[in-house]
Amino acid sequence: MNAKKISIGTKPSTRAAAAPAAADNWVENRVEEEPMKRLTIDIPASLHRAIKMQTAARGTKIADEVRQILQEKFGSN
């Protein structure tokens, strides 16, 4: 029968002790985002294609850009 050995590692560093403090800081300082609602609209395929090509070239998402346009037009609350 082979005897198995279990090695016990060293004590956690003080860096690991800082993790709970960082978590507490995150919880205390986080900003809750407003709940989102879905908006569905119909647009011509050619317009969708143009929007998709331009947003893809910029590396952005259609939803993010449309959200920004709507925010600029209608503002917040």
C-alpha atoms as a PDB file:
ATOM      1  CA  MET A   1       0.000   0.000   0.000  1.00  0.00           C
ATOM      2  CA  ASN A   2       1.368   3.420  -0.997  1.00  0.00           C
ATOM      3  CA  ALA A   3       1.246   6.202   1.526  1.00  0.00           C
ATOM      4  CA  LYS A   4      -0.152   9.414   0.088  1.00  0.00           C
ATOM      5  CA  LYS A   5       1.315  12.707   1.145  1.00  0.00           C
ATOM      6  CA  ILE A   6      -0.588  15.933   1.281  1.00  0.00           C
ATOM      7  CA  SER A   7       1.401  19.117   1.056  1.00  0.00           C
ATOM      8  CA  ILE A   8       0.078  22.215   2.721  1.00  0.00           C
ATOM      9  CA  GLY A   9       0.896  25.462   0.978  1.00  0.00           C
ATOM     10  CA  THR A  10       2.122  28.668   2.512  1.00  0.00           C
ATOM     11  CA  LYS A  11      -0.089  31.235   4.168  1.00  0.00           C
ATOM     12  CA  PRO A  12      -2.045  33.521   1.867  1.00  0.00           C
ATOM     13  CA  SER A  13      -0.297  36.801   1.216  1.00  0.00           C
ATOM     14  CA  THR A  14      -1.590  40.181   2.326  1.00  0.00           C
ATOM     15  CA  ARG A  15      -2.625  40.732  -1.290  1.00  0.00           C
ATOM     16  CA  ALA A  16      -5.305  38.083  -0.853  1.00  0.00           C
ATOM     17  CA  ALA A  17      -6.483  39.872   2.278  1.00  0.00           C
ATOM     18  CA  ALA A  18      -6.983  43.027   0.226  1.00  0.00           C
ATOM     19  CA  ALA A  19      -9.550  41.280  -1.978  1.00  0.00           C
ATOM     20  CA  PRO A  20     -12.421  41.540   0.547  1.00  0.00           C
ATOM     21  CA  ALA A  21     -11.678  45.250   0.974  1.00  0.00           C
ATOM     22  CA  ALA A  22     -11.787  45.720  -2.805  1.00  0.00           C
ATOM     23  CA  ALA A  23     -15.086  43.841  -2.954  1.00  0.00           C
ATOM     24  CA  ASP A  24     -16.538  46.015  -0.192  1.00  0.00           C
ATOM     25  CA  ASN A  25     -15.394  49.127  -2.051  1.00  0.00           C
ATOM     26  CA  TRP A  26     -17.042  47.888  -5.259  1.00  0.00           C
ATOM     27  CA  VAL A  27     -20.344  47.177  -3.497  1.00  0.00           C
ATOM     28  CA  GLU A  28     -20.384  50.563  -1.764  1.00  0.00           C
ATOM     29  CA  ASN A  29     -19.542  52.569  -4.897  1.00  0.00           C
ATOM     30  CA  ARG A  30     -21.452  50.778  -7.637  1.00  0.00           C
ATOM     31  CA  VAL A  31     -24.174  52.601  -9.510  1.00  0.00           C
ATOM     32  CA  GLU A  32     -27.282  50.622 -10.287  1.00  0.00           C
ATOM     33  CA  GLU A  33     -28.306  50.942 -13.906  1.00  0.00           C
ATOM     34  CA  GLU A  34     -31.840  51.797 -14.859  1.00  0.00           C
ATOM     35  CA  PRO A  35     -33.854  48.794 -16.091  1.00  0.00           C
ATOM     36  CA  MET A  36     -34.000  48.545 -19.880  1.00  0.00           C
ATOM     37  CA  LYS A  37     -37.090  48.227 -22.080  1.00  0.00           C
ATOM     38  CA  ARG A  38     -37.079  46.789 -25.600  1.00  0.00           C
ATOM     39  CA  LEU A  39     -38.128  48.976 -28.552  1.00  0.00           C
ATOM     40  CA  THR A  40     -38.828  47.332 -31.903  1.00  0.00           C
ATOM     41  CA  ILE A  41     -39.075  49.380 -35.098  1.00  0.00           C
ATOM     42  CA  ASP A  42     -39.278  48.500 -38.779  1.00  0.00           C
ATOM     43  CA  ILE A  43     -36.825  50.212 -41.125  1.00  0.00           C
ATOM     44  CA  PRO A  44     -36.006  49.645 -44.800  1.00  0.00           C
ATOM     45  CA  ALA A  45     -33.397  46.955 -45.460  1.00  0.00           C
ATOM     46  CA  SER A  46     -31.176  49.488 -47.234  1.00  0.00           C
ATOM     47  CA  LEU A  47     -31.146  51.754 -44.161  1.00  0.00           C
ATOM     48  CA  HIS A  48     -30.383  48.808 -41.885  1.00  0.00           C
ATOM     49  CA  ARG A  49     -27.532  47.767 -44.169  1.00  0.00           C
ATOM     50  CA  ALA A  50     -26.070  51.307 -44.149  1.00  0.00           C
ATOM     51  CA  ILE A  51     -26.317  51.560 -40.359  1.00  0.00           C
ATOM     52  CA  LYS A  52     -24.786  48.111 -39.898  1.00  0.00           C
ATOM     53  CA  MET A  53     -21.877  48.855 -42.249  1.00  0.00           C
ATOM     54  CA  GLN A  54     -21.041  52.152 -40.546  1.00  0.00           C
ATOM     55  CA  THR A  55     -21.321  50.843 -36.995  1.00  0.00           C
ATOM     56  CA  ALA A  56     -19.258  47.769 -37.878  1.00  0.00           C
ATOM     57  CA  ALA A  57     -16.572  50.020 -39.384  1.00  0.00           C
ATOM     58  CA  ARG A  58     -16.466  51.971 -36.102  1.00  0.00           C
ATOM     59  CA  GLY A  59     -16.502  48.793 -34.030  1.00  0.00           C
ATOM     60  CA  THR A  60     -19.721  49.755 -32.265  1.00  0.00           C
ATOM     61  CA  LYS A  61     -23.140  48.151 -31.946  1.00  0.00           C
ATOM     62  CA  ILE A  62     -26.282  49.425 -33.635  1.00  0.00           C
ATOM     63  CA  ALA A  63     -28.165  49.368 -30.325  1.00  0.00           C
ATOM     64  CA  ASP A  64     -25.535  51.523 -28.605  1.00  0.00           C
ATOM     65  CA  GLU A  65     -25.586  54.148 -31.344  1.00  0.00           C
ATOM     66  CA  VAL A  66     -29.387  54.221 -31.625  1.00  0.00           C
ATOM     67  CA  ARG A  67     -29.592  54.526 -27.830  1.00  0.00           C
ATOM     68  CA  GLN A  68     -27.216  57.510 -27.985  1.00  0.00           C
ATOM     69  CA  ILE A  69     -29.238  59.197 -30.764  1.00  0.00           C
ATOM     70  CA  LEU A  70     -32.483  58.717 -28.826  1.00  0.00           C
ATOM     71  CA  GLN A  71     -30.857  60.051 -25.655  1.00  0.00           C
ATOM     72  CA  GLU A  72     -29.660  63.176 -27.503  1.00  0.00           C
ATOM     73  CA  LYS A  73     -33.108  63.728 -29.066  1.00  0.00           C
ATOM     74  CA  PHE A  74     -35.305  63.024 -26.048  1.00  0.00           C
ATOM     75  CA  GLY A  75     -32.929  63.421 -23.104  1.00  0.00           C
ATOM     76  CA  SER A  76     -33.240  61.669 -19.809  1.00  0.00           C
ATOM     77  CA  ASN A  77     -36.471  61.823 -17.831  1.00  0.00           C
END
